[in-house]
C-alpha atoms as a PDB file:
ATOM      1  CA  MET A   1     121.288  90.038  91.482  1.00  0.00           C
ATOM      2  CA  TYR A   2     117.826  91.610  91.290  1.00  0.00           C
ATOM      3  CA  ILE A   3     116.616  95.156  91.871  1.00  0.00           C
ATOM      4  CA  ILE A   4     113.263  96.597  92.924  1.00  0.00           C
ATOM      5  CA  LYS A   5     112.213 100.207  93.505  1.00  0.00           C
ATOM      6  CA  VAL A   6     109.826 100.711  96.434  1.00  0.00           C
ATOM      7  CA  LYS A   7     107.533 103.760  96.529  1.00  0.00           C
ATOM      8  CA  GLY A   8     107.563 105.761  99.752  1.00  0.00           C
ATOM      9  CA  LYS A   9     104.450 107.360 101.211  1.00  0.00           C
ATOM     10  CA  ALA A  10     104.051 110.826 102.692  1.00  0.00           C
ATOM     11  CA  LYS A  11     107.310 111.564 104.548  1.00  0.00           C
ATOM     12  CA  ILE A  12     108.843 108.146 103.841  1.00  0.00           C
ATOM     13  CA  PRO A  13     111.242 108.341 100.854  1.00  0.00           C
ATOM     14  CA  ASP A  14     111.535 105.923  97.932  1.00  0.00           C
ATOM     15  CA  TYR A  15     113.881 102.981  98.484  1.00  0.00           C
ATOM     16  CA  ILE A  16     115.918 100.573  96.365  1.00  0.00           C
ATOM     17  CA  GLN A  17     116.292  96.892  97.251  1.00  0.00           C
ATOM     18  CA  LEU A  18     119.015  94.636  95.885  1.00  0.00           C
ATOM     19  CA  ARG A  19     118.408  90.897  96.190  1.00  0.00           C
ATOM     20  CA  ASP A  20     120.601  87.904  95.362  1.00  0.00           C
ATOM     21  CA  GLU A  21     119.757  84.904  93.143  1.00  0.00           C
ATOM     22  CA  LYS A  22     117.654  83.358  95.948  1.00  0.00           C
ATOM     23  CA  PHE A  23     115.795  86.680  96.411  1.00  0.00           C
ATOM     24  CA  ILE A  24     117.405  87.260  99.813  1.00  0.00           C
ATOM     25  CA  LEU A  25     117.692  90.952 100.664  1.00  0.00           C
ATOM     26  CA  VAL A  26     121.289  92.105 100.194  1.00  0.00           C
ATOM     27  CA  ALA A  27     120.860  95.900 100.317  1.00  0.00           C
ATOM     28  CA  TYR A  28     118.140  98.395 101.166  1.00  0.00           C
ATOM     29  CA  PHE A  29     118.891 102.091 100.678  1.00  0.00           C
ATOM     30  CA  ARG A  30     117.232 105.380  99.856  1.00  0.00           C
ATOM     31  CA  ALA A  31     116.831 106.119  96.167  1.00  0.00           C
ATOM     32  CA  ASP A  32     118.153 109.652  96.671  1.00  0.00           C
ATOM     33  CA  ARG A  33     121.347 108.461  98.429  1.00  0.00           C
ATOM     34  CA  ILE A  34     122.689 105.879  96.013  1.00  0.00           C
ATOM     35  CA  ASP A  35     126.312 107.105  95.879  1.00  0.00           C
ATOM     36  CA  LYS A  36     127.313 105.781  99.281  1.00  0.00           C
ATOM     37  CA  ASN A  37     126.058 102.258  98.648  1.00  0.00           C
ATOM     38  CA  LEU A  38     127.219 101.307  95.160  1.00  0.00           C
ATOM     39  CA  GLU A  39     130.837 100.703  96.139  1.00  0.00           C
ATOM     40  CA  LYS A  40     129.813  98.139  98.786  1.00  0.00           C
ATOM     41  CA  TYR A  41     128.035  95.976  96.203  1.00  0.00           C
ATOM     42  CA  GLY A  42     130.579  95.873  93.400  1.00  0.00           C
ATOM     43  CA  LEU A  43     128.939  98.590  91.301  1.00  0.00           C
ATOM     44  CA  LYS A  44     131.734 101.169  91.539  1.00  0.00           C
ATOM     45  CA  GLY A  45     132.214 102.894  88.186  1.00  0.00           C
ATOM     46  CA  LYS A  46     128.694 102.041  87.018  1.00  0.00           C
ATOM     47  CA  GLU A  47     126.962 104.950  88.725  1.00  0.00           C
ATOM     48  CA  GLU A  48     125.485 106.558  85.603  1.00  0.00           C
ATOM     49  CA  ALA A  49     124.089 103.277  84.288  1.00  0.00           C
ATOM     50  CA  PHE A  50     122.610 102.558  87.731  1.00  0.00           C
ATOM     51  CA  TYR A  51     120.997 106.026  87.955  1.00  0.00           C
ATOM     52  CA  THR A  52     119.518 105.600  84.468  1.00  0.00           C
ATOM     53  CA  LEU A  53     118.126 102.193  85.382  1.00  0.00           C
ATOM     54  CA  VAL A  54     116.586 103.445  88.643  1.00  0.00           C
ATOM     55  CA  GLU A  55     114.993 106.455  86.937  1.00  0.00           C
ATOM     56  CA  SER A  56     113.396 104.324  84.225  1.00  0.00           C
ATOM     57  CA  MET A  57     112.187 101.520  86.515  1.00  0.00           C
ATOM     58  CA  PRO A  58     108.543 101.287  87.541  1.00  0.00           C
ATOM     59  CA  PHE A  59     107.788 101.027  91.248  1.00  0.00           C
ATOM     60  CA  GLY A  60     107.183  97.563  92.681  1.00  0.00           C
ATOM     61  CA  LYS A  61     108.487  95.513  89.743  1.00  0.00           C
ATOM     62  CA  MET A  62     111.475  93.279  90.452  1.00  0.00           C
ATOM     63  CA  GLN A  63     113.886  92.810  87.568  1.00  0.00           C
ATOM     64  CA  PRO A  64     117.374  91.416  87.047  1.00  0.00           C
ATOM     65  CA  LEU A  65     120.150  93.922  87.623  1.00  0.00           C
ATOM     66  CA  SER A  66     121.986  94.040  84.314  1.00  0.00           C
ATOM     67  CA  ILE A  67     124.446  96.914  84.065  1.00  0.00           C
END
Protein backbone atom coordinates (compact mmCIF):
# COMPACT_ATOMS: atom_id res chain seq x y z
CA MET A 1 0.00 0.00 0.00
CA TYR A 2 1.15 3.56 -0.73
CA ILE A 3 0.39 6.86 0.96
CA ILE A 4 0.39 10.45 -0.28
CA LYS A 5 -0.45 13.69 1.54
CA VAL A 6 -2.33 16.25 -0.56
CA LYS A 7 -2.16 19.95 0.34
CA GLY A 8 -5.48 21.76 0.59
CA LYS A 9 -5.97 25.34 -0.56
CA ALA A 10 -7.84 28.14 1.18
CA LYS A 11 -10.87 26.52 2.85
CA ILE A 12 -10.13 23.04 1.49
CA PRO A 13 -8.34 20.91 4.13
CA ASP A 14 -5.32 18.64 3.64
CA TYR A 15 -6.13 15.07 2.60
CA ILE A 16 -4.49 11.65 2.80
CA GLN A 17 -4.72 9.11 -0.02
CA LEU A 18 -4.05 5.40 0.39
CA ARG A 19 -3.39 3.45 -2.80
CA ASP A 20 -2.86 -0.26 -3.44
CA GLU A 21 0.04 -1.96 -5.26
CA LYS A 22 -1.44 -0.97 -8.65
CA PHE A 23 -1.81 2.66 -7.44
CA ILE A 24 -5.61 2.39 -7.42
CA LEU A 25 -7.20 4.73 -4.88
CA VAL A 26 -8.32 2.76 -1.83
CA ALA A 27 -9.00 5.58 0.66
CA TYR A 28 -9.25 9.35 0.62
CA PHE A 29 -9.80 11.14 3.94
CA ARG A 30 -9.07 14.39 5.72
CA ALA A 31 -5.71 14.57 7.45
CA ASP A 32 -7.33 15.99 10.59
CA ARG A 33 -9.88 13.13 10.84
CA ILE A 34 -7.68 10.06 10.64
CA ASP A 35 -9.13 8.17 13.63
CA LYS A 36 -12.34 7.11 11.92
CA ASN A 37 -10.62 5.63 8.88
CA LEU A 38 -7.70 3.58 10.18
CA GLU A 39 -9.81 0.67 11.40
CA LYS A 40 -11.34 0.18 7.93
CA TYR A 41 -7.92 -0.34 6.34
CA GLY A 42 -6.29 -2.74 8.77
CA LEU A 43 -4.30 -0.09 10.64
CA LYS A 44 -6.04 -0.43 14.01
CA GLY A 45 -3.50 -0.19 16.83
CA LYS A 46 -0.98 1.66 14.67
CA GLU A 47 -2.45 5.12 15.16
CA GLU A 48 0.62 6.76 16.70
CA ALA A 49 2.97 5.43 14.02
CA PHE A 50 0.52 6.61 11.34
CA TYR A 51 0.24 10.11 12.88
CA THR A 52 4.04 10.36 13.07
CA LEU A 53 4.38 9.31 9.44
CA VAL A 54 1.74 11.79 8.24
CA GLU A 55 3.30 14.66 10.20
CA SER A 56 6.76 14.01 8.78
CA MET A 57 5.67 13.44 5.17
CA PRO A 58 6.12 16.14 2.55
CA PHE A 59 3.08 17.13 0.51
CA GLY A 60 2.66 15.54 -2.91
CA LYS A 61 5.25 12.76 -2.55
CA MET A 62 3.93 9.20 -2.77
CA GLN A 63 5.76 6.65 -0.65
CA PRO A 64 5.21 3.08 0.50
CA LEU A 65 3.18 2.76 3.68
CA SER A 66 5.49 0.95 6.07
CA ILE A 67 4.26 0.97 9.65
